C-alpha cells in the first residue's frame, strides 16, 4: 500500500492547536482521526470487516453519486465485493481539520474472473466522532473503473 500523505500532511492548511490556544489537543485529535480513516481505507485491501466495524459507526451516513444511505452494511459490501480485489492503494493526499478528514486516493483493482486491472481515483470527506467515522461524502470514477475492467465498452458514449 502506497501512502504519499506523510505525518505532517494531517495538519497542513488546518488550524493547529497552537493557533487556538489549546496546546496539542486539536493536533492530537486530528492525528487520531487521520489514523481512523487510514485504518478504514486499509480494509479495502485487507477485507478485514472486524477492523471496519471498529472504525465505522453502525449508523454511518453515506452521501455520494446522487444517493444518501445509512448503515455500516454499505461500506462492508463495498469492501467485500465478490470477484473484485484491491491490489494496491495510494493515498495521494490526506488533510484533517477539526472533526473532518479529506482524502484523495487511487486504488488498483483486479477483476478476478479475467485478471484485468485498472486504477480508480476517488475523493472522500469523513466526519468523525468518538473515534469512529459517522458520516462520509465522496465521489469516485466508477465509469473509468468499469471501462478499465472490461465491463463497459472502451469507446466514447454518445448522447444522440
N, C-alpha and C. Protein backbone atom coordinates (compact mmCIF):
# COMPACT_ATOMS: atom_id res chain seq x y z
N UNK A 1 0.85 -1.17 0.00
CA UNK A 1 0.00 0.00 0.00
C UNK A 1 0.90 1.23 0.00
N UNK A 2 0.69 2.10 -0.96
CA UNK A 2 1.47 3.31 -1.09
C UNK A 2 0.77 4.45 -0.37
N UNK A 3 1.53 5.31 0.28
CA UNK A 3 0.92 6.41 1.01
C UNK A 3 1.81 7.63 0.89
N UNK A 4 1.37 8.62 0.15
CA UNK A 4 2.16 9.84 0.00
C UNK A 4 1.80 10.90 1.01
N UNK A 5 0.80 10.65 1.84
CA UNK A 5 0.40 11.62 2.87
C UNK A 5 1.20 11.37 4.13
N UNK A 6 2.28 12.09 4.32
CA UNK A 6 3.13 11.89 5.49
C UNK A 6 2.50 12.44 6.75
N UNK A 7 3.19 12.27 7.86
CA UNK A 7 2.67 12.68 9.16
C UNK A 7 2.35 14.17 9.18
N UNK A 8 3.18 14.97 8.53
CA UNK A 8 2.93 16.41 8.52
C UNK A 8 1.74 16.80 7.68
N UNK A 9 1.33 15.93 6.76
CA UNK A 9 0.22 16.24 5.88
C UNK A 9 -1.07 16.43 6.65
N UNK A 10 -1.25 15.72 7.76
CA UNK A 10 -2.50 15.77 8.50
C UNK A 10 -2.81 17.18 9.00
N UNK A 11 -1.79 17.97 9.29
CA UNK A 11 -2.03 19.30 9.83
C UNK A 11 -1.88 20.40 8.79
N UNK A 12 -1.50 20.06 7.56
CA UNK A 12 -1.23 21.07 6.55
C UNK A 12 -2.50 21.85 6.24
N UNK A 13 -2.42 23.14 6.35
CA UNK A 13 -3.53 24.01 5.98
C UNK A 13 -4.60 24.15 7.04
N UNK A 14 -4.62 23.33 8.04
CA UNK A 14 -5.66 23.40 9.08
C UNK A 14 -5.18 24.24 10.25
N UNK A 15 -6.11 24.67 11.05
CA UNK A 15 -5.75 25.44 12.24
C UNK A 15 -5.15 24.48 13.25
N UNK A 16 -3.92 24.74 13.64
CA UNK A 16 -3.25 23.88 14.60
C UNK A 16 -3.64 24.23 16.02
N UNK A 17 -3.25 23.38 16.96
CA UNK A 17 -3.59 23.59 18.37
C UNK A 17 -3.02 24.90 18.88
N UNK A 18 -1.80 25.23 18.44
CA UNK A 18 -1.18 26.46 18.91
C UNK A 18 -1.98 27.68 18.45
N UNK A 19 -2.60 27.59 17.24
CA UNK A 19 -3.41 28.69 16.72
C UNK A 19 -4.65 28.92 17.57
N UNK A 20 -5.11 27.92 18.28
CA UNK A 20 -6.34 28.02 19.06
C UNK A 20 -6.08 28.16 20.55
N UNK A 21 -4.83 28.15 20.95
CA UNK A 21 -4.53 28.26 22.36
C UNK A 21 -4.78 26.98 23.13
N UNK A 22 -4.84 25.86 22.46
CA UNK A 22 -5.06 24.56 23.10
C UNK A 22 -3.85 23.69 22.82
N UNK A 23 -2.84 23.75 23.64
CA UNK A 23 -1.59 23.06 23.35
C UNK A 23 -1.77 21.57 23.08
N UNK A 24 -1.60 21.17 21.82
CA UNK A 24 -1.59 19.77 21.45
C UNK A 24 -2.93 19.08 21.32
N UNK A 25 -4.00 19.61 21.91
CA UNK A 25 -5.28 18.90 21.94
C UNK A 25 -5.86 18.70 20.55
N UNK A 26 -6.00 19.77 19.78
CA UNK A 26 -6.59 19.68 18.45
C UNK A 26 -5.70 18.86 17.54
N UNK A 27 -4.40 19.08 17.61
CA UNK A 27 -3.47 18.33 16.78
C UNK A 27 -3.55 16.84 17.04
N UNK A 28 -3.65 16.44 18.30
CA UNK A 28 -3.74 15.00 18.63
C UNK A 28 -5.05 14.41 18.13
N UNK A 29 -6.15 15.16 18.27
CA UNK A 29 -7.44 14.65 17.78
C UNK A 29 -7.41 14.49 16.26
N UNK A 30 -6.83 15.45 15.57
CA UNK A 30 -6.72 15.35 14.12
C UNK A 30 -5.86 14.16 13.72
N UNK A 31 -4.75 13.93 14.41
CA UNK A 31 -3.90 12.77 14.12
C UNK A 31 -4.66 11.47 14.34
N UNK A 32 -5.45 11.39 15.41
CA UNK A 32 -6.27 10.19 15.67
C UNK A 32 -7.30 9.99 14.56
N UNK A 33 -7.93 11.09 14.15
CA UNK A 33 -8.92 10.99 13.08
C UNK A 33 -8.29 10.52 11.77
N UNK A 34 -7.11 11.04 11.45
CA UNK A 34 -6.41 10.60 10.24
C UNK A 34 -6.11 9.10 10.34
N UNK A 35 -5.67 8.64 11.50
CA UNK A 35 -5.36 7.21 11.66
C UNK A 35 -6.62 6.35 11.51
N UNK A 36 -7.75 6.82 12.03
CA UNK A 36 -9.01 6.07 11.87
C UNK A 36 -9.36 5.95 10.38
N UNK A 37 -9.24 7.03 9.65
CA UNK A 37 -9.55 6.99 8.21
C UNK A 37 -8.57 6.08 7.48
N UNK A 38 -7.30 6.15 7.83
CA UNK A 38 -6.31 5.24 7.20
C UNK A 38 -6.68 3.77 7.48
N UNK A 39 -7.09 3.48 8.70
CA UNK A 39 -7.50 2.10 9.05
C UNK A 39 -8.70 1.68 8.21
N UNK A 40 -9.67 2.57 8.08
CA UNK A 40 -10.85 2.27 7.27
C UNK A 40 -10.45 1.98 5.82
N UNK A 41 -9.65 2.86 5.24
CA UNK A 41 -9.25 2.67 3.85
C UNK A 41 -8.45 1.39 3.66
N UNK A 42 -7.65 1.04 4.63
CA UNK A 42 -6.84 -0.18 4.57
C UNK A 42 -7.73 -1.43 4.46
N UNK A 43 -8.96 -1.35 4.99
CA UNK A 43 -9.84 -2.53 4.93
C UNK A 43 -10.22 -2.90 3.50
N UNK A 44 -10.10 -1.97 2.56
CA UNK A 44 -10.37 -2.30 1.16
C UNK A 44 -9.30 -3.24 0.60
N UNK A 45 -8.11 -3.17 1.17
CA UNK A 45 -7.03 -4.08 0.76
C UNK A 45 -7.08 -5.37 1.57
N UNK A 46 -7.28 -5.25 2.88
CA UNK A 46 -7.23 -6.43 3.76
C UNK A 46 -8.55 -7.19 3.83
N UNK A 47 -9.66 -6.52 3.50
CA UNK A 47 -11.01 -7.09 3.60
C UNK A 47 -11.35 -7.48 5.05
N UNK A 48 -10.75 -6.80 6.01
CA UNK A 48 -10.93 -7.08 7.43
C UNK A 48 -12.18 -6.37 7.95
N UNK A 49 -13.31 -7.07 7.95
CA UNK A 49 -14.57 -6.47 8.37
C UNK A 49 -14.62 -6.19 9.88
N UNK A 50 -13.83 -6.91 10.67
CA UNK A 50 -13.76 -6.63 12.10
C UNK A 50 -13.12 -5.26 12.33
N UNK A 51 -12.05 -4.97 11.59
CA UNK A 51 -11.42 -3.66 11.72
C UNK A 51 -12.36 -2.57 11.22
N UNK A 52 -13.07 -2.83 10.13
CA UNK A 52 -14.03 -1.86 9.62
C UNK A 52 -15.06 -1.52 10.70
N UNK A 53 -15.56 -2.54 11.41
CA UNK A 53 -16.56 -2.32 12.46
C UNK A 53 -15.99 -1.49 13.61
N UNK A 54 -14.69 -1.57 13.84
CA UNK A 54 -14.06 -0.78 14.92
C UNK A 54 -14.01 0.71 14.58
N UNK A 55 -13.95 1.05 13.29
CA UNK A 55 -13.72 2.44 12.91
C UNK A 55 -14.91 3.11 12.22
N UNK A 56 -15.95 2.36 11.91
CA UNK A 56 -17.12 2.93 11.24
C UNK A 56 -18.35 2.70 12.12
N UNK A 57 -19.09 3.76 12.41
CA UNK A 57 -20.29 3.67 13.23
C UNK A 57 -21.34 2.79 12.54
N UNK A 58 -22.12 2.07 13.34
CA UNK A 58 -23.18 1.20 12.81
C UNK A 58 -24.16 1.98 11.94
N UNK A 59 -24.47 3.21 12.36
CA UNK A 59 -25.45 4.02 11.64
C UNK A 59 -24.80 5.12 10.81
N UNK A 60 -23.62 4.84 10.25
CA UNK A 60 -22.90 5.81 9.43
C UNK A 60 -23.79 6.32 8.30
N UNK A 61 -23.69 7.62 8.02
CA UNK A 61 -24.42 8.23 6.91
C UNK A 61 -23.46 8.40 5.74
N UNK A 62 -23.92 7.98 4.55
CA UNK A 62 -23.05 7.98 3.38
C UNK A 62 -23.73 8.74 2.25
N UNK A 63 -23.00 9.69 1.69
CA UNK A 63 -23.52 10.53 0.61
C UNK A 63 -22.57 10.48 -0.58
N UNK A 64 -23.11 10.33 -1.77
CA UNK A 64 -22.30 10.36 -2.97
C UNK A 64 -23.02 9.74 -4.14
N UNK A 65 -22.57 10.09 -5.33
CA UNK A 65 -23.15 9.57 -6.58
C UNK A 65 -24.66 9.75 -6.61
N UNK A 66 -25.13 10.86 -6.07
CA UNK A 66 -26.54 11.17 -6.10
C UNK A 66 -27.41 10.39 -5.14
N UNK A 67 -26.79 9.70 -4.18
CA UNK A 67 -27.58 8.92 -3.23
C UNK A 67 -27.19 9.27 -1.79
N UNK A 68 -28.07 8.89 -0.89
CA UNK A 68 -27.80 9.02 0.55
C UNK A 68 -28.32 7.75 1.20
N UNK A 69 -27.44 7.04 1.91
CA UNK A 69 -27.82 5.80 2.59
C UNK A 69 -27.29 5.84 4.01
N UNK A 70 -27.80 4.95 4.83
CA UNK A 70 -27.38 4.90 6.23
C UNK A 70 -27.13 3.45 6.61
N UNK A 71 -25.98 3.20 7.24
CA UNK A 71 -25.69 1.86 7.74
C UNK A 71 -24.33 1.35 7.32
N UNK A 72 -23.67 0.69 8.25
CA UNK A 72 -22.34 0.14 8.01
C UNK A 72 -22.36 -0.96 6.95
N UNK A 73 -23.52 -1.57 6.72
CA UNK A 73 -23.59 -2.65 5.74
C UNK A 73 -23.16 -2.19 4.34
N UNK A 74 -23.30 -0.89 4.04
CA UNK A 74 -22.92 -0.40 2.71
C UNK A 74 -21.40 -0.42 2.51
N UNK A 75 -20.61 0.15 3.42
CA UNK A 75 -19.16 0.01 3.23
C UNK A 75 -18.69 -1.44 3.38
N UNK A 76 -19.37 -2.24 4.21
CA UNK A 76 -19.00 -3.66 4.31
C UNK A 76 -19.17 -4.36 2.97
N UNK A 77 -20.26 -4.05 2.27
CA UNK A 77 -20.50 -4.66 0.95
C UNK A 77 -19.44 -4.20 -0.05
N UNK A 78 -19.05 -2.94 0.03
CA UNK A 78 -18.03 -2.43 -0.89
C UNK A 78 -16.68 -3.09 -0.63
N UNK A 79 -16.34 -3.28 0.63
CA UNK A 79 -15.06 -3.90 0.99
C UNK A 79 -15.01 -5.35 0.56
N UNK A 80 -16.13 -6.05 0.65
CA UNK A 80 -16.13 -7.49 0.38
C UNK A 80 -16.74 -7.84 -0.97
N UNK A 81 -16.65 -6.92 -1.93
CA UNK A 81 -17.22 -7.17 -3.27
C UNK A 81 -16.65 -8.45 -3.87
N UNK A 82 -17.51 -9.46 -4.09
CA UNK A 82 -17.01 -10.71 -4.68
C UNK A 82 -16.54 -10.49 -6.12
N UNK A 83 -15.41 -11.09 -6.43
CA UNK A 83 -14.88 -11.01 -7.79
C UNK A 83 -14.05 -9.79 -8.07
N UNK A 84 -13.88 -8.91 -7.08
CA UNK A 84 -13.12 -7.69 -7.26
C UNK A 84 -12.14 -7.55 -6.10
N UNK A 85 -10.87 -7.41 -6.42
CA UNK A 85 -9.82 -7.34 -5.41
C UNK A 85 -9.06 -6.03 -5.54
N UNK A 86 -8.85 -5.35 -4.41
CA UNK A 86 -7.99 -4.17 -4.39
C UNK A 86 -6.56 -4.66 -4.21
N UNK A 87 -5.73 -4.42 -5.21
CA UNK A 87 -4.34 -4.86 -5.17
C UNK A 87 -3.43 -3.85 -4.50
N UNK A 88 -3.75 -2.58 -4.65
CA UNK A 88 -2.89 -1.53 -4.12
C UNK A 88 -3.75 -0.30 -3.85
N UNK A 89 -3.28 0.52 -2.94
CA UNK A 89 -3.99 1.75 -2.59
C UNK A 89 -2.94 2.83 -2.38
N UNK A 90 -3.13 3.94 -3.04
CA UNK A 90 -2.21 5.06 -2.89
C UNK A 90 -2.99 6.27 -2.37
N UNK A 91 -2.70 6.65 -1.15
CA UNK A 91 -3.29 7.88 -0.61
C UNK A 91 -2.45 9.02 -1.16
N UNK A 92 -3.06 9.79 -2.04
CA UNK A 92 -2.34 10.90 -2.70
C UNK A 92 -2.21 12.10 -1.76
N UNK A 93 -3.29 12.35 -1.01
CA UNK A 93 -3.27 13.47 -0.07
C UNK A 93 -4.29 13.19 1.02
N UNK A 94 -3.95 13.60 2.24
CA UNK A 94 -4.86 13.45 3.36
C UNK A 94 -4.75 14.72 4.21
N UNK A 95 -5.90 15.26 4.59
CA UNK A 95 -5.95 16.56 5.25
C UNK A 95 -6.99 16.51 6.36
N UNK A 96 -6.62 16.93 7.55
CA UNK A 96 -7.54 16.93 8.68
C UNK A 96 -7.79 18.35 9.15
N UNK A 97 -9.04 18.63 9.50
CA UNK A 97 -9.43 19.91 10.09
C UNK A 97 -10.60 19.63 11.03
N UNK A 98 -10.40 19.94 12.30
CA UNK A 98 -11.40 19.69 13.34
C UNK A 98 -11.85 18.24 13.28
N UNK A 99 -13.15 17.98 13.06
CA UNK A 99 -13.64 16.60 13.06
C UNK A 99 -13.74 16.00 11.66
N UNK A 100 -13.09 16.62 10.68
CA UNK A 100 -13.16 16.16 9.28
C UNK A 100 -11.80 15.71 8.79
N UNK A 101 -11.84 14.73 7.90
CA UNK A 101 -10.63 14.29 7.20
C UNK A 101 -11.01 14.17 5.72
N UNK A 102 -10.19 14.76 4.86
CA UNK A 102 -10.41 14.71 3.42
C UNK A 102 -9.25 13.93 2.80
N UNK A 103 -9.59 13.03 1.88
CA UNK A 103 -8.59 12.16 1.27
C UNK A 103 -8.79 12.13 -0.24
N UNK A 104 -7.70 12.20 -0.98
CA UNK A 104 -7.73 11.85 -2.40
C UNK A 104 -6.86 10.60 -2.53
N UNK A 105 -7.36 9.63 -3.28
CA UNK A 105 -6.64 8.37 -3.37
C UNK A 105 -6.85 7.71 -4.71
N UNK A 106 -6.04 6.71 -4.97
CA UNK A 106 -6.17 5.87 -6.15
C UNK A 106 -6.04 4.43 -5.69
N UNK A 107 -6.96 3.59 -6.17
CA UNK A 107 -6.91 2.17 -5.83
C UNK A 107 -6.78 1.36 -7.12
N UNK A 108 -5.91 0.38 -7.08
CA UNK A 108 -5.75 -0.53 -8.21
C UNK A 108 -6.61 -1.76 -7.96
N UNK A 109 -7.53 -2.01 -8.86
CA UNK A 109 -8.46 -3.14 -8.75
C UNK A 109 -8.12 -4.22 -9.76
N UNK A 110 -8.45 -5.46 -9.38
CA UNK A 110 -8.35 -6.59 -10.32
C UNK A 110 -9.73 -7.24 -10.39
N UNK A 111 -10.19 -7.47 -11.59
CA UNK A 111 -11.40 -8.27 -11.80
C UNK A 111 -10.94 -9.72 -11.80
N UNK A 112 -11.29 -10.45 -10.76
CA UNK A 112 -10.74 -11.79 -10.54
C UNK A 112 -11.06 -12.76 -11.68
N UNK A 113 -12.22 -12.64 -12.32
CA UNK A 113 -12.62 -13.57 -13.38
C UNK A 113 -11.74 -13.46 -14.61
N UNK A 114 -11.21 -12.26 -14.88
CA UNK A 114 -10.44 -12.07 -16.11
C UNK A 114 -8.99 -11.68 -15.86
N UNK A 115 -8.69 -11.23 -14.66
CA UNK A 115 -7.34 -10.75 -14.36
C UNK A 115 -7.11 -9.31 -14.78
N UNK A 116 -8.12 -8.68 -15.39
CA UNK A 116 -7.98 -7.29 -15.82
C UNK A 116 -7.76 -6.39 -14.61
N UNK A 117 -6.87 -5.41 -14.75
CA UNK A 117 -6.62 -4.46 -13.67
C UNK A 117 -6.81 -3.04 -14.18
N UNK A 118 -7.17 -2.17 -13.25
CA UNK A 118 -7.31 -0.75 -13.57
C UNK A 118 -7.21 0.04 -12.28
N UNK A 119 -7.03 1.35 -12.43
CA UNK A 119 -6.91 2.24 -11.28
C UNK A 119 -8.15 3.13 -11.23
N UNK A 120 -8.70 3.25 -10.04
CA UNK A 120 -9.85 4.13 -9.81
C UNK A 120 -9.43 5.25 -8.86
N UNK A 121 -9.71 6.48 -9.24
CA UNK A 121 -9.43 7.61 -8.36
C UNK A 121 -10.68 7.97 -7.57
N UNK A 122 -10.46 8.59 -6.41
CA UNK A 122 -11.59 8.98 -5.57
C UNK A 122 -11.18 10.15 -4.69
N UNK A 123 -12.18 10.90 -4.26
CA UNK A 123 -12.01 11.96 -3.29
C UNK A 123 -13.13 11.81 -2.27
N UNK A 124 -12.77 11.71 -0.99
CA UNK A 124 -13.74 11.46 0.07
C UNK A 124 -13.52 12.43 1.22
N UNK A 125 -14.62 12.74 1.92
CA UNK A 125 -14.53 13.54 3.14
C UNK A 125 -15.28 12.79 4.23
N UNK A 126 -14.64 12.66 5.38
CA UNK A 126 -15.18 11.91 6.51
C UNK A 126 -15.38 12.83 7.69
N UNK A 127 -16.48 12.62 8.45
CA UNK A 127 -16.67 13.29 9.73
C UNK A 127 -16.60 12.22 10.80
N UNK A 128 -15.84 12.49 11.84
CA UNK A 128 -15.63 11.51 12.90
C UNK A 128 -16.15 12.02 14.23
N UNK A 129 -16.57 11.10 15.06
CA UNK A 129 -16.99 11.40 16.43
C UNK A 129 -16.67 10.18 17.28
N UNK A 130 -16.05 10.40 18.42
CA UNK A 130 -15.74 9.30 19.32
C UNK A 130 -14.84 8.24 18.72
N UNK A 131 -13.94 8.64 17.82
CA UNK A 131 -13.00 7.69 17.23
C UNK A 131 -13.58 6.82 16.12
N UNK A 132 -14.76 7.20 15.60
CA UNK A 132 -15.39 6.44 14.52
C UNK A 132 -15.87 7.37 13.42
N UNK A 133 -15.93 6.84 12.22
CA UNK A 133 -16.49 7.58 11.09
C UNK A 133 -18.01 7.54 11.23
N UNK A 134 -18.63 8.72 11.27
CA UNK A 134 -20.08 8.79 11.43
C UNK A 134 -20.79 9.30 10.17
N UNK A 135 -20.05 9.96 9.29
CA UNK A 135 -20.58 10.42 8.00
C UNK A 135 -19.45 10.43 7.01
N UNK A 136 -19.78 10.16 5.74
CA UNK A 136 -18.83 10.47 4.69
C UNK A 136 -19.50 10.78 3.38
N UNK A 137 -18.79 11.60 2.63
CA UNK A 137 -19.23 12.07 1.33
C UNK A 137 -18.11 11.78 0.36
N UNK A 138 -18.46 11.56 -0.89
CA UNK A 138 -17.39 11.39 -1.85
C UNK A 138 -17.85 10.96 -3.21
N UNK A 139 -16.90 11.01 -4.10
CA UNK A 139 -17.11 10.58 -5.48
C UNK A 139 -15.90 9.77 -5.90
N UNK A 140 -16.16 8.80 -6.75
CA UNK A 140 -15.09 8.00 -7.33
C UNK A 140 -15.40 7.80 -8.81
N UNK A 141 -14.38 7.47 -9.57
CA UNK A 141 -14.51 7.29 -11.01
C UNK A 141 -15.02 5.88 -11.32
N UNK A 142 -16.31 5.66 -11.10
CA UNK A 142 -16.89 4.34 -11.35
C UNK A 142 -16.91 4.03 -12.83
N UNK A 143 -17.18 5.01 -13.66
CA UNK A 143 -17.18 4.79 -15.12
C UNK A 143 -15.81 4.31 -15.58
N UNK A 144 -14.75 4.99 -15.13
CA UNK A 144 -13.39 4.58 -15.50
C UNK A 144 -13.05 3.19 -14.98
N UNK A 145 -13.52 2.88 -13.77
CA UNK A 145 -13.30 1.55 -13.20
C UNK A 145 -13.94 0.48 -14.07
N UNK A 146 -15.20 0.67 -14.42
CA UNK A 146 -15.92 -0.32 -15.23
C UNK A 146 -15.31 -0.46 -16.62
N UNK A 147 -14.91 0.64 -17.23
CA UNK A 147 -14.23 0.56 -18.54
C UNK A 147 -12.91 -0.18 -18.42
N UNK A 148 -12.14 0.17 -17.41
CA UNK A 148 -10.83 -0.45 -17.25
C UNK A 148 -10.89 -1.94 -16.97
N UNK A 149 -11.98 -2.40 -16.37
CA UNK A 149 -12.14 -3.82 -16.08
C UNK A 149 -12.86 -4.57 -17.20
N UNK A 150 -13.15 -3.87 -18.30
CA UNK A 150 -13.79 -4.50 -19.45
C UNK A 150 -15.27 -4.74 -19.27
N UNK A 151 -15.91 -4.04 -18.35
CA UNK A 151 -17.34 -4.22 -18.11
C UNK A 151 -18.20 -3.22 -18.89
N UNK A 152 -17.57 -2.22 -19.50
CA UNK A 152 -18.22 -1.27 -20.40
C UNK A 152 -17.35 -1.15 -21.63
N UNK A 153 -17.94 -0.84 -22.78
CA UNK A 153 -17.14 -0.69 -24.00
C UNK A 153 -16.11 0.42 -23.85
N UNK A 154 -14.94 0.20 -24.42
CA UNK A 154 -13.88 1.19 -24.38
C UNK A 154 -14.06 2.12 -25.59
N UNK A 155 -15.17 2.81 -25.59
CA UNK A 155 -15.49 3.73 -26.69
C UNK A 155 -16.26 4.91 -26.09
N UNK A 156 -16.18 6.03 -26.76
CA UNK A 156 -16.91 7.19 -26.26
C UNK A 156 -18.41 6.93 -26.23
N UNK A 157 -19.07 7.47 -25.22
CA UNK A 157 -20.51 7.38 -25.14
C UNK A 157 -21.09 8.56 -25.91
N UNK A 158 -22.07 8.27 -26.76
CA UNK A 158 -22.73 9.34 -27.48
C UNK A 158 -24.13 9.53 -26.92
N UNK A 159 -24.57 10.75 -26.95
CA UNK A 159 -25.88 11.09 -26.41
C UNK A 159 -26.78 11.60 -27.53
N UNK A 160 -26.96 10.75 -28.54
CA UNK A 160 -27.80 11.12 -29.70
C UNK A 160 -29.25 11.01 -29.38
